[in-house]
C-alpha atoms as a PDB file:
ATOM      1  CA  MET A   1     114.581 145.258  78.867  1.00  0.00           C
ATOM      2  CA  LYS A   2     111.756 144.378  81.304  1.00  0.00           C
ATOM      3  CA  LYS A   3     112.823 142.574  85.257  1.00  0.00           C
ATOM      4  CA  LYS A   4     112.521 139.360  85.596  1.00  0.00           C
ATOM      5  CA  PRO A   5     109.951 139.034  88.850  1.00  0.00           C
ATOM      6  CA  GLU A   6     111.858 137.759  92.255  1.00  0.00           C
ATOM      7  CA  ILE A   7     110.458 134.355  93.410  1.00  0.00           C
ATOM      8  CA  LYS A   8     110.192 133.546  96.610  1.00  0.00           C
ATOM      9  CA  LYS A   9     112.387 130.548  98.476  1.00  0.00           C
ATOM     10  CA  ASP A  10     110.073 129.426 100.901  1.00  0.00           C
ATOM     11  CA  ASP A  11     108.639 127.060  98.128  1.00  0.00           C
ATOM     12  CA  PHE A  12     111.799 125.667  96.791  1.00  0.00           C
ATOM     13  CA  THR A  13     111.936 128.471  94.516  1.00  0.00           C
ATOM     14  CA  PHE A  14     114.465 131.206  93.902  1.00  0.00           C
ATOM     15  CA  THR A  15     115.291 133.667  92.423  1.00  0.00           C
ATOM     16  CA  PRO A  16     116.739 132.917  88.803  1.00  0.00           C
ATOM     17  CA  ARG A  17     120.006 134.876  89.090  1.00  0.00           C
ATOM     18  CA  ILE A  18     123.091 133.450  89.907  1.00  0.00           C
ATOM     19  CA  ASP A  19     125.258 136.105  90.278  1.00  0.00           C
ATOM     20  CA  ASP A  20     123.261 137.169  93.681  1.00  0.00           C
ATOM     21  CA  GLU A  21     125.029 136.706  97.046  1.00  0.00           C
ATOM     22  CA  THR A  22     122.042 135.116  98.689  1.00  0.00           C
ATOM     23  CA  THR A  23     122.129 132.218  95.611  1.00  0.00           C
ATOM     24  CA  ASP A  24     125.239 131.025  96.859  1.00  0.00           C
ATOM     25  CA  GLN A  25     123.516 129.264 100.000  1.00  0.00           C
ATOM     26  CA  SER A  26     122.804 126.065  99.850  1.00  0.00           C
ATOM     27  CA  LYS A  27     120.947 123.624 102.330  1.00  0.00           C
ATOM     28  CA  GLU A  28     122.348 120.161 102.855  1.00  0.00           C
ATOM     29  CA  ILE A  29     120.728 117.079 104.236  1.00  0.00           C
ATOM     30  CA  TYR A  30     122.574 114.300 105.532  1.00  0.00           C
ATOM     31  CA  THR A  31     121.436 110.493 104.715  1.00  0.00           C
ATOM     32  CA  GLU A  32     122.595 107.228 105.534  1.00  0.00           C
ATOM     33  CA  ASN A  33     125.676 107.490 103.446  1.00  0.00           C
ATOM     34  CA  ARG A  34     125.477 110.474 101.352  1.00  0.00           C
ATOM     35  CA  THR A  35     125.492 114.166 101.810  1.00  0.00           C
ATOM     36  CA  LEU A  36     122.454 115.688  99.956  1.00  0.00           C
ATOM     37  CA  LYS A  37     122.481 119.330  98.840  1.00  0.00           C
ATOM     38  CA  ILE A  38     119.592 121.473  97.929  1.00  0.00           C
ATOM     39  CA  GLU A  39     120.994 124.672  95.686  1.00  0.00           C
ATOM     40  CA  SER A  40     120.032 126.967  92.854  1.00  0.00           C
ATOM     41  CA  ILE A  41     121.915 125.606  89.100  1.00  0.00           C
ATOM     42  CA  GLU A  42     121.862 127.333  86.296  1.00  0.00           C
ATOM     43  CA  VAL A  43     120.351 125.582  83.535  1.00  0.00           C
ATOM     44  CA  ASP A  44     122.765 125.548  81.052  1.00  0.00           C
ATOM     45  CA  LYS A  45     124.579 123.041  83.179  1.00  0.00           C
ATOM     46  CA  LEU A  46     122.062 120.762  83.216  1.00  0.00           C
ATOM     47  CA  VAL A  47     122.179 117.778  81.229  1.00  0.00           C
ATOM     48  CA  LYS A  48     119.107 114.848  80.218  1.00  0.00           C
ATOM     49  CA  PHE A  49     119.832 111.772  81.542  1.00  0.00           C
ATOM     50  CA  LYS A  50     121.650 109.320  79.396  1.00  0.00           C
ATOM     51  CA  ASN A  51     119.285 106.782  77.281  1.00  0.00           C
ATOM     52  CA  HIS A  52     116.277 108.852  78.991  1.00  0.00           C
ATOM     53  CA  PRO A  53     113.387 106.601  78.556  1.00  0.00           C
ATOM     54  CA  PHE A  54     110.312 108.956  79.037  1.00  0.00           C
ATOM     55  CA  GLN A  55     108.590 111.043  76.864  1.00  0.00           C
ATOM     56  CA  ALA A  56     109.148 114.329  77.422  1.00  0.00           C
ATOM     57  CA  TYR A  57     106.026 117.182  77.341  1.00  0.00           C
ATOM     58  CA  GLU A  58     105.518 118.677  74.004  1.00  0.00           C
ATOM     59  CA  GLY A  59     103.272 121.744  72.873  1.00  0.00           C
ATOM     60  CA  GLU A  60     100.090 122.495  75.046  1.00  0.00           C
ATOM     61  CA  ARG A  61     101.450 120.095  77.811  1.00  0.00           C
ATOM     62  CA  LEU A  62     104.422 121.845  78.160  1.00  0.00           C
ATOM     63  CA  GLU A  63     102.939 125.280  77.993  1.00  0.00           C
ATOM     64  CA  LYS A  64     100.587 124.550  80.419  1.00  0.00           C
ATOM     65  CA  LEU A  65     103.353 123.128  83.024  1.00  0.00           C
ATOM     66  CA  ALA A  66     105.031 126.514  82.818  1.00  0.00           C
ATOM     67  CA  GLN A  67     101.945 127.901  83.301  1.00  0.00           C
ATOM     68  CA  SER A  68     101.500 126.710  86.171  1.00  0.00           C
ATOM     69  CA  ILE A  69     105.469 126.970  87.929  1.00  0.00           C
ATOM     70  CA  LYS A  70     104.587 130.646  87.055  1.00  0.00           C
ATOM     71  CA  ASN A  71     101.523 131.274  88.644  1.00  0.00           C
ATOM     72  CA  ASN A  72     102.475 128.493  92.089  1.00  0.00           C
ATOM     73  CA  GLY A  73     106.462 128.644  91.827  1.00  0.00           C
ATOM     74  CA  LEU A  74     108.529 125.768  91.855  1.00  0.00           C
ATOM     75  CA  LEU A  75     106.468 123.162  94.622  1.00  0.00           C
ATOM     76  CA  SER A  76     109.993 120.926  94.678  1.00  0.00           C
ATOM     77  CA  PRO A  77     113.371 121.102  93.525  1.00  0.00           C
ATOM     78  CA  ILE A  78     114.426 118.839  90.707  1.00  0.00           C
ATOM     79  CA  VAL A  79     116.828 116.022  90.885  1.00  0.00           C
ATOM     80  CA  VAL A  80     120.740 115.412  89.897  1.00  0.00           C
ATOM     81  CA  ARG A  81     123.922 114.351  90.309  1.00  0.00           C
ATOM     82  CA  PRO A  82     127.154 115.960  89.660  1.00  0.00           C
ATOM     83  CA  ILE A  83     129.254 114.364  86.598  1.00  0.00           C
ATOM     84  CA  LYS A  84     132.154 115.877  84.446  1.00  0.00           C
ATOM     85  CA  ASN A  85     133.208 119.459  83.824  1.00  0.00           C
ATOM     86  CA  GLY A  86     130.690 120.853  86.040  1.00  0.00           C
ATOM     87  CA  GLN A  87     127.405 119.857  84.743  1.00  0.00           C
ATOM     88  CA  PHE A  88     124.942 118.142  86.359  1.00  0.00           C
ATOM     89  CA  GLU A  89     122.608 115.063  85.021  1.00  0.00           C
ATOM     90  CA  ILE A  90     118.878 115.444  85.470  1.00  0.00           C
ATOM     91  CA  LEU A  91     117.436 112.520  87.350  1.00  0.00           C
ATOM     92  CA  CYS A  92     114.288 113.935  88.473  1.00  0.00           C
ATOM     93  CA  GLY A  93     112.656 116.998  86.404  1.00  0.00           C
ATOM     94  CA  HIS A  94     113.206 116.943  83.321  1.00  0.00           C
ATOM     95  CA  ASN A  95     109.696 118.352  81.620  1.00  0.00           C
ATOM     96  CA  ARG A  96     110.245 120.820  85.019  1.00  0.00           C
ATOM     97  CA  VAL A  97     113.691 122.052  83.300  1.00  0.00           C
ATOM     98  CA  GLU A  98     112.177 122.640  79.972  1.00  0.00           C
ATOM     99  CA  ALA A  99     108.645 124.455  81.406  1.00  0.00           C
ATOM    100  CA  VAL A 100     111.597 127.277  82.845  1.00  0.00           C
ATOM    101  CA  LYS A 101     113.434 127.827  80.467  1.00  0.00           C
ATOM    102  CA  LEU A 102     109.881 128.768  78.380  1.00  0.00           C
ATOM    103  CA  LEU A 103     109.682 131.315  81.181  1.00  0.00           C
ATOM    104  CA  GLY A 104     113.177 133.123  80.731  1.00  0.00           C
ATOM    105  CA  TRP A 105     114.850 131.452  84.115  1.00  0.00           C
ATOM    106  CA  ASN A 106     118.326 131.261  83.856  1.00  0.00           C
ATOM    107  CA  ALA A 107     118.820 128.750  87.215  1.00  0.00           C
ATOM    108  CA  ILE A 108     116.431 125.987  89.421  1.00  0.00           C
ATOM    109  CA  ASN A 109     116.724 124.784  92.554  1.00  0.00           C
ATOM    110  CA  ALA A 110     118.016 121.187  92.260  1.00  0.00           C
ATOM    111  CA  SER A 111     118.747 118.208  95.241  1.00  0.00           C
ATOM    112  CA  ILE A 112     122.011 117.109  94.392  1.00  0.00           C
ATOM    113  CA  LYS A 113     122.741 113.529  95.071  1.00  0.00           C
ATOM    114  CA  GLU A 114     126.359 112.479  95.177  1.00  0.00           C
ATOM    115  CA  GLY A 115     127.750 108.918  95.006  1.00  0.00           C
ATOM    116  CA  LEU A 116     125.521 107.297  92.821  1.00  0.00           C
ATOM    117  CA  SER A 117     126.165 104.758  90.924  1.00  0.00           C
ATOM    118  CA  ASN A 118     124.663 104.549  87.172  1.00  0.00           C
ATOM    119  CA  LYS A 119     122.539 101.919  88.543  1.00  0.00           C
ATOM    120  CA  GLU A 120     121.455 103.719  90.981  1.00  0.00           C
ATOM    121  CA  ALA A 121     120.562 106.817  89.388  1.00  0.00           C
ATOM    122  CA  GLU A 122     118.730 104.508  86.584  1.00  0.00           C
ATOM    123  CA  MET A 123     116.242 103.191  89.198  1.00  0.00           C
ATOM    124  CA  ILE A 124     115.441 107.129  90.569  1.00  0.00           C
ATOM    125  CA  VAL A 125     114.713 107.825  87.337  1.00  0.00           C
ATOM    126  CA  VAL A 126     112.538 104.868  86.728  1.00  0.00           C
ATOM    127  CA  ASP A 127     111.005 105.114  90.380  1.00  0.00           C
ATOM    128  CA  ASP A 128     110.136 108.924  89.941  1.00  0.00           C
ATOM    129  CA  ASN A 129     107.993 108.322  86.799  1.00  0.00           C
ATOM    130  CA  LEU A 130     106.101 105.490  88.321  1.00  0.00           C
ATOM    131  CA  ASN A 131     105.515 107.994  91.459  1.00  0.00           C
ATOM    132  CA  GLN A 132     103.621 110.078  88.451  1.00  0.00           C
ATOM    133  CA  GLN A 133     102.077 107.493  86.395  1.00  0.00           C
ATOM    134  CA  SER A 134     101.032 103.824  86.460  1.00  0.00           C
ATOM    135  CA  PHE A 135     102.985 101.737  84.149  1.00  0.00           C
ATOM    136  CA  ALA A 136      99.236 101.076  82.337  1.00  0.00           C
ATOM    137  CA  ASP A 137      99.237 105.063  81.965  1.00  0.00           C
ATOM    138  CA  TRP A 138     102.602 104.692  79.727  1.00  0.00           C
ATOM    139  CA  PRO A 139     103.076 104.255  75.694  1.00  0.00           C
ATOM    140  CA  TYR A 140     104.107 100.703  74.964  1.00  0.00           C
ATOM    141  CA  SER A 141     107.386 101.936  73.785  1.00  0.00           C
ATOM    142  CA  GLN A 142     107.823 103.298  76.986  1.00  0.00           C
ATOM    143  CA  GLN A 143     106.776 100.191  79.051  1.00  0.00           C
ATOM    144  CA  ILE A 144     109.422  98.154  77.107  1.00  0.00           C
ATOM    145  CA  ARG A 145     112.487 100.487  77.396  1.00  0.00           C
ATOM    146  CA  VAL A 146     111.533 100.304  81.152  1.00  0.00           C
ATOM    147  CA  ILE A 147     111.299  96.537  81.174  1.00  0.00           C
ATOM    148  CA  LYS A 148     114.638  96.406  79.298  1.00  0.00           C
ATOM    149  CA  ILE A 149     116.512  98.329  82.415  1.00  0.00           C
ATOM    150  CA  TYR A 150     114.401  96.292  84.850  1.00  0.00           C
ATOM    151  CA  SER A 151     115.832  93.269  82.764  1.00  0.00           C
ATOM    152  CA  ARG A 152     119.330  94.346  83.354  1.00  0.00           C
ATOM    153  CA  TYR A 153     119.077  95.002  86.642  1.00  0.00           C
ATOM    154  CA  ILE A 154     117.866  91.306  87.326  1.00  0.00           C
ATOM    155  CA  GLN A 155     120.496  90.016  85.195  1.00  0.00           C
ATOM    156  CA  GLU A 156     123.233  91.613  87.081  1.00  0.00           C
ATOM    157  CA  ASN A 157     121.940  90.707  90.219  1.00  0.00           C
ATOM    158  CA  SER A 158     121.757  87.001  89.083  1.00  0.00           C
ATOM    159  CA  GLN A 159     125.406  87.357  87.759  1.00  0.00           C
ATOM    160  CA  GLN A 160     126.559  88.804  91.500  1.00  0.00           C
ATOM    161  CA  GLY A 161     126.003  85.251  92.872  1.00  0.00           C
ATOM    162  CA  LYS A 162     122.678  85.994  94.511  1.00  0.00           C
ATOM    163  CA  ARG A 163     120.746  82.860  94.756  1.00  0.00           C
ATOM    164  CA  ASN A 164     117.185  82.729  94.010  1.00  0.00           C
ATOM    165  CA  ASP A 165     117.417  78.685  93.785  1.00  0.00           C
ATOM    166  CA  LEU A 166     116.701  77.252  97.004  1.00  0.00           C
ATOM    167  CA  ALA A 167     114.590  79.805  97.959  1.00  0.00           C
ATOM    168  CA  ASP A 168     111.879  78.813  95.627  1.00  0.00           C
ATOM    169  CA  GLY A 169     111.920  75.179  96.199  1.00  0.00           C
ATOM    170  CA  ALA A 170     114.496  73.868  93.722  1.00  0.00           C
ATOM    171  CA  THR A 171     116.681  71.049  94.403  1.00  0.00           C
ATOM    172  CA  CYS A 172     119.441  71.903  96.130  1.00  0.00           C
ATOM    173  CA  VAL A 173     122.602  70.814  94.018  1.00  0.00           C
ATOM    174  CA  GLN A 174     124.782  69.630  97.183  1.00  0.00           C
ATOM    175  CA  ASN A 175     122.434  66.801  98.290  1.00  0.00           C
ATOM    176  CA  GLY A 176     119.862  66.564  95.834  1.00  0.00           C
ATOM    177  CA  HIS A 177     116.817  67.718  98.319  1.00  0.00           C
ATOM    178  CA  LYS A 178     114.644  70.202  98.118  1.00  0.00           C
ATOM    179  CA  SER A 179     114.595  72.735 100.111  1.00  0.00           C
ATOM    180  CA  THR A 180     112.216  72.675 103.121  1.00  0.00           C
ATOM    181  CA  GLY A 181     111.243  74.369 106.159  1.00  0.00           C
ATOM    182  CA  LYS A 182     111.363  77.832 105.275  1.00  0.00           C
ATOM    183  CA  PRO A 183     108.448  79.934 103.050  1.00  0.00           C
ATOM    184  CA  LYS A 184     109.571  80.786 100.020  1.00  0.00           C
ATOM    185  CA  ARG A 185     110.684  84.393  99.004  1.00  0.00           C
ATOM    186  CA  PRO A 186     109.404  85.884  95.980  1.00  0.00           C
ATOM    187  CA  LYS A 187     111.800  86.615  93.074  1.00  0.00           C
ATOM    188  CA  THR A 188     113.012  89.858  92.006  1.00  0.00           C
ATOM    189  CA  ARG A 189     111.201  89.353  89.119  1.00  0.00           C
ATOM    190  CA  ASP A 190     107.985  89.107  90.866  1.00  0.00           C
ATOM    191  CA  LYS A 191     108.560  92.109  92.675  1.00  0.00           C
ATOM    192  CA  ILE A 192     109.006  94.206  90.031  1.00  0.00           C
ATOM    193  CA  SER A 193     105.931  92.517  88.381  1.00  0.00           C
ATOM    194  CA  LYS A 194     104.126  93.642  91.709  1.00  0.00           C
ATOM    195  CA  GLN A 195     105.174  96.886  91.513  1.00  0.00           C
ATOM    196  CA  LEU A 196     104.502  97.980  87.720  1.00  0.00           C
ATOM    197  CA  GLY A 197     101.158  96.148  88.179  1.00  0.00           C
ATOM    198  CA  ILE A 198     101.406  93.274  86.318  1.00  0.00           C
ATOM    199  CA  SER A 199     101.277  89.580  86.717  1.00  0.00           C
ATOM    200  CA  SER A 200     104.637  87.424  86.056  1.00  0.00           C
ATOM    201  CA  SER A 201     104.111  86.456  82.935  1.00  0.00           C
ATOM    202  CA  VAL A 202     102.758  89.336  81.638  1.00  0.00           C
ATOM    203  CA  PHE A 203     106.441  90.868  82.688  1.00  0.00           C
ATOM    204  CA  GLU A 204     108.526  87.622  81.041  1.00  0.00           C
ATOM    205  CA  ARG A 205     106.321  88.352  77.601  1.00  0.00           C
ATOM    206  CA  TYR A 206     107.168  92.299  77.657  1.00  0.00           C
ATOM    207  CA  ARG A 207     111.479  91.161  78.733  1.00  0.00           C
ATOM    208  CA  SER A 208     110.697  89.004  75.093  1.00  0.00           C
ATOM    209  CA  ILE A 209     110.486  91.975  73.774  1.00  0.00           C
ATOM    210  CA  ALA A 210     112.853  94.215  75.336  1.00  0.00           C
ATOM    211  CA  LYS A 211     115.510  91.652  74.672  1.00  0.00           C
ATOM    212  CA  GLN A 212     115.697  92.938  70.826  1.00  0.00           C
ATOM    213  CA  ASP A 213     117.946  94.656  69.482  1.00  0.00           C
ATOM    214  CA  ASP A 214     117.227  98.785  70.185  1.00  0.00           C
ATOM    215  CA  LYS A 215     116.693  99.282  66.180  1.00  0.00           C
ATOM    216  CA  ILE A 216     113.831  96.491  66.691  1.00  0.00           C
ATOM    217  CA  ILE A 217     112.432  98.046  69.932  1.00  0.00           C
ATOM    218  CA  ILE A 218     111.879 101.240  68.025  1.00  0.00           C
ATOM    219  CA  ILE A 219     109.730  99.818  64.911  1.00  0.00           C
ATOM    220  CA  ILE A 220     107.581  97.240  67.258  1.00  0.00           C
ATOM    221  CA  GLY A 221     107.288 100.423  70.042  1.00  0.00           C
ATOM    222  CA  LYS A 222     105.889 102.088  67.175  1.00  0.00           C
ATOM    223  CA  MET A 223     103.563  99.698  65.837  1.00  0.00           C
ATOM    224  CA  LEU A 224     102.129  99.287  69.412  1.00  0.00           C
ATOM    225  CA  ASP A 225     101.964 102.791  70.029  1.00  0.00           C
ATOM    226  CA  GLU A 226      99.898 103.027  66.651  1.00  0.00           C
ATOM    227  CA  LYS A 227      97.728 100.531  67.280  1.00  0.00           C
ATOM    228  CA  ARG A 228      99.190  98.178  64.374  1.00  0.00           C
ATOM    229  CA  MET A 229     100.095  95.405  66.235  1.00  0.00           C
ATOM    230  CA  GLY A 230      98.944  93.841  68.919  1.00  0.00           C
ATOM    231  CA  PHE A 231     100.912  93.030  72.101  1.00  0.00           C
ATOM    232  CA  MET A 232     100.630  89.189  71.622  1.00  0.00           C
ATOM    233  CA  ALA A 233     101.466  89.337  68.074  1.00  0.00           C
ATOM    234  CA  ALA A 234     104.364  91.349  69.140  1.00  0.00           C
ATOM    235  CA  HIS A 235     105.625  88.858  71.910  1.00  0.00           C
ATOM    236  CA  ARG A 236     104.881  86.299  69.638  1.00  0.00           C
ATOM    237  CA  ILE A 237     107.621  87.818  67.168  1.00  0.00           C
ATOM    238  CA  SER A 238     109.750  88.608  69.931  1.00  0.00           C
ATOM    239  CA  GLU A 239     110.281  84.464  70.386  1.00  0.00           C
ATOM    240  CA  LEU A 240     111.398  83.806  66.393  1.00  0.00           C
ATOM    241  CA  LYS A 241     114.436  83.488  65.485  1.00  0.00           C
ATOM    242  CA  PRO A 242     116.887  86.504  65.370  1.00  0.00           C
ATOM    243  CA  GLU A 243     117.304  86.487  61.438  1.00  0.00           C
ATOM    244  CA  VAL A 244     113.355  86.186  61.138  1.00  0.00           C
ATOM    245  CA  VAL A 245     112.553  88.898  63.089  1.00  0.00           C
ATOM    246  CA  ALA A 246     115.157  91.145  61.318  1.00  0.00           C
ATOM    247  CA  VAL A 247     113.263  90.435  57.897  1.00  0.00           C
ATOM    248  CA  ILE A 248     109.655  91.195  59.502  1.00  0.00           C
ATOM    249  CA  ALA A 249     111.672  95.088  60.978  1.00  0.00           C
ATOM    250  CA  ASN A 250     113.109  95.210  57.969  1.00  0.00           C
ATOM    251  CA  TYR A 251     109.601  94.808  56.232  1.00  0.00           C
ATOM    252  CA  LEU A 252     107.704  97.106  59.014  1.00  0.00           C
ATOM    253  CA  LYS A 253     110.505  99.799  58.628  1.00  0.00           C
ATOM    254  CA  GLU A 254     109.827  99.947  54.720  1.00  0.00           C
ATOM    255  CA  ASN A 255     106.076  99.816  55.177  1.00  0.00           C
ATOM    256  CA  PRO A 256     105.550 102.435  57.933  1.00  0.00           C
ATOM    257  CA  ASP A 257     101.937 101.699  57.405  1.00  0.00           C
ATOM    258  CA  VAL A 258     101.296  98.445  57.298  1.00  0.00           C
ATOM    259  CA  LYS A 259      99.614  96.608  60.181  1.00  0.00           C
ATOM    260  CA  LEU A 260     100.164  93.279  61.401  1.00  0.00           C
ATOM    261  CA  LYS A 261      96.863  90.749  61.849  1.00  0.00           C
ATOM    262  CA  GLY A 262      97.359  88.264  65.244  1.00  0.00           C
ATOM    263  CA  ALA A 263      95.803  85.640  62.884  1.00  0.00           C
ATOM    264  CA  ASN A 264      98.639  85.949  60.535  1.00  0.00           C
ATOM    265  CA  VAL A 265     101.663  86.180  62.766  1.00  0.00           C
ATOM    266  CA  LYS A 266     100.327  82.982  64.589  1.00  0.00           C
ATOM    267  CA  SER A 267     100.385  81.732  61.131  1.00  0.00           C
ATOM    268  CA  LEU A 268     103.867  82.565  60.788  1.00  0.00           C
ATOM    269  CA  CYS A 269     105.199  81.137  64.242  1.00  0.00           C
ATOM    270  CA  ASP A 270     103.419  77.965  63.396  1.00  0.00           C
ATOM    271  CA  LYS A 271     105.435  77.832  60.222  1.00  0.00           C
ATOM    272  CA  CYS A 272     108.255  78.324  61.464  1.00  0.00           C
ATOM    273  CA  LYS A 273     108.071  75.805  64.330  1.00  0.00           C
ATOM    274  CA  ASN A 274     107.277  72.996  61.613  1.00  0.00           C
ATOM    275  CA  SER A 275     109.444  74.475  58.643  1.00  0.00           C
ATOM    276  CA  LYS A 276     113.050  74.472  57.624  1.00  0.00           C
ATOM    277  CA  ASP A 277     115.510  77.262  57.874  1.00  0.00           C
ATOM    278  CA  GLU A 278     115.665  77.410  54.274  1.00  0.00           C
ATOM    279  CA  ASP A 279     111.853  77.530  53.633  1.00  0.00           C
ATOM    280  CA  LEU A 280     111.477  80.891  55.077  1.00  0.00           C
ATOM    281  CA  THR A 281     112.326  82.658  52.516  1.00  0.00           C
ATOM    282  CA  GLU A 282     112.007  86.576  52.909  1.00  0.00           C
ATOM    283  CA  GLU A 283     108.913  85.982  50.120  1.00  0.00           C
ATOM    284  CA  THR A 284     107.324  83.681  52.210  1.00  0.00           C
ATOM    285  CA  ILE A 285     107.968  85.671  55.551  1.00  0.00           C
ATOM    286  CA  ARG A 286     105.743  88.535  54.057  1.00  0.00           C
ATOM    287  CA  GLU A 287     103.286  86.781  52.100  1.00  0.00           C
ATOM    288  CA  ILE A 288     102.111  85.273  55.457  1.00  0.00           C
ATOM    289  CA  LEU A 289     102.018  88.158  57.272  1.00  0.00           C
ATOM    290  CA  LEU A 290     100.185  90.068  54.771  1.00  0.00           C
ATOM    291  CA  ALA A 291      97.691  87.194  53.991  1.00  0.00           C
ATOM    292  CA  ASP A 292      93.916  87.827  54.610  1.00  0.00           C
ATOM    293  CA  GLU A 293      92.590  86.616  57.927  1.00  0.00           C
ATOM    294  CA  LEU A 294      90.909  82.876  57.544  1.00  0.00           C
ATOM    295  CA  SER A 295      87.456  83.323  59.610  1.00  0.00           C
ATOM    296  CA  SER A 296      86.828  81.724  62.069  1.00  0.00           C
END
């Protein structure tokens, strides 16, 4: 069997041999609250981040990454955190792990972050991908999954008793007067919107879609990615009653090639506002969605 070439460690690469005594050495970097270790880890001990919201490289794109690593080495370590049974969960570097597997490596250099909460780990995953690509470059399905993460983060902050009302000039519940004299602080939502490069109003539209059941999000995301439905149509659907959304989702699932026209979705929304629940049968909903678009 042909011996695998050894790779220099100077650029954060390594010899893919765990049994070599030199691979037992690890670097330690001390941060404010945690120790960050850098060492080589067997790829068999690595597991993907749970509910990883980003699309993995496949085919030619993955092969190009593998070739780049083969030619230039692994220029930076992946980032992981220790979990149970001696395994490590990947936070940053899912594609690099798959690439080195193609190269036949049995280990990869990793920065090990200990003591992370699930929320901290999740935000590292999101921030790492934002550093690689802008939000606008992601497919809709990926955007919605990330907004769902941020929405949960905003909700958790709110439940922890963090007050934004006075900072936004709202009426004080104690004395009935509006808070004055201090500049308004941006809401968490506004900060996240700015980070993503979208307006707060657009962020809220994404949040409306992201609040749907995961199965419905998958259907809507696929429709958007395949350009079989516009973003505003998806937002309008998300604002409908859950039972109506469920009918639409079932129909789209059963008819994977159908396209929804924005005007038809708007007509359905208008119908929902002006009709009683008993008037909105499944047949009525489908008839409206499939109606020919009226010329303006």
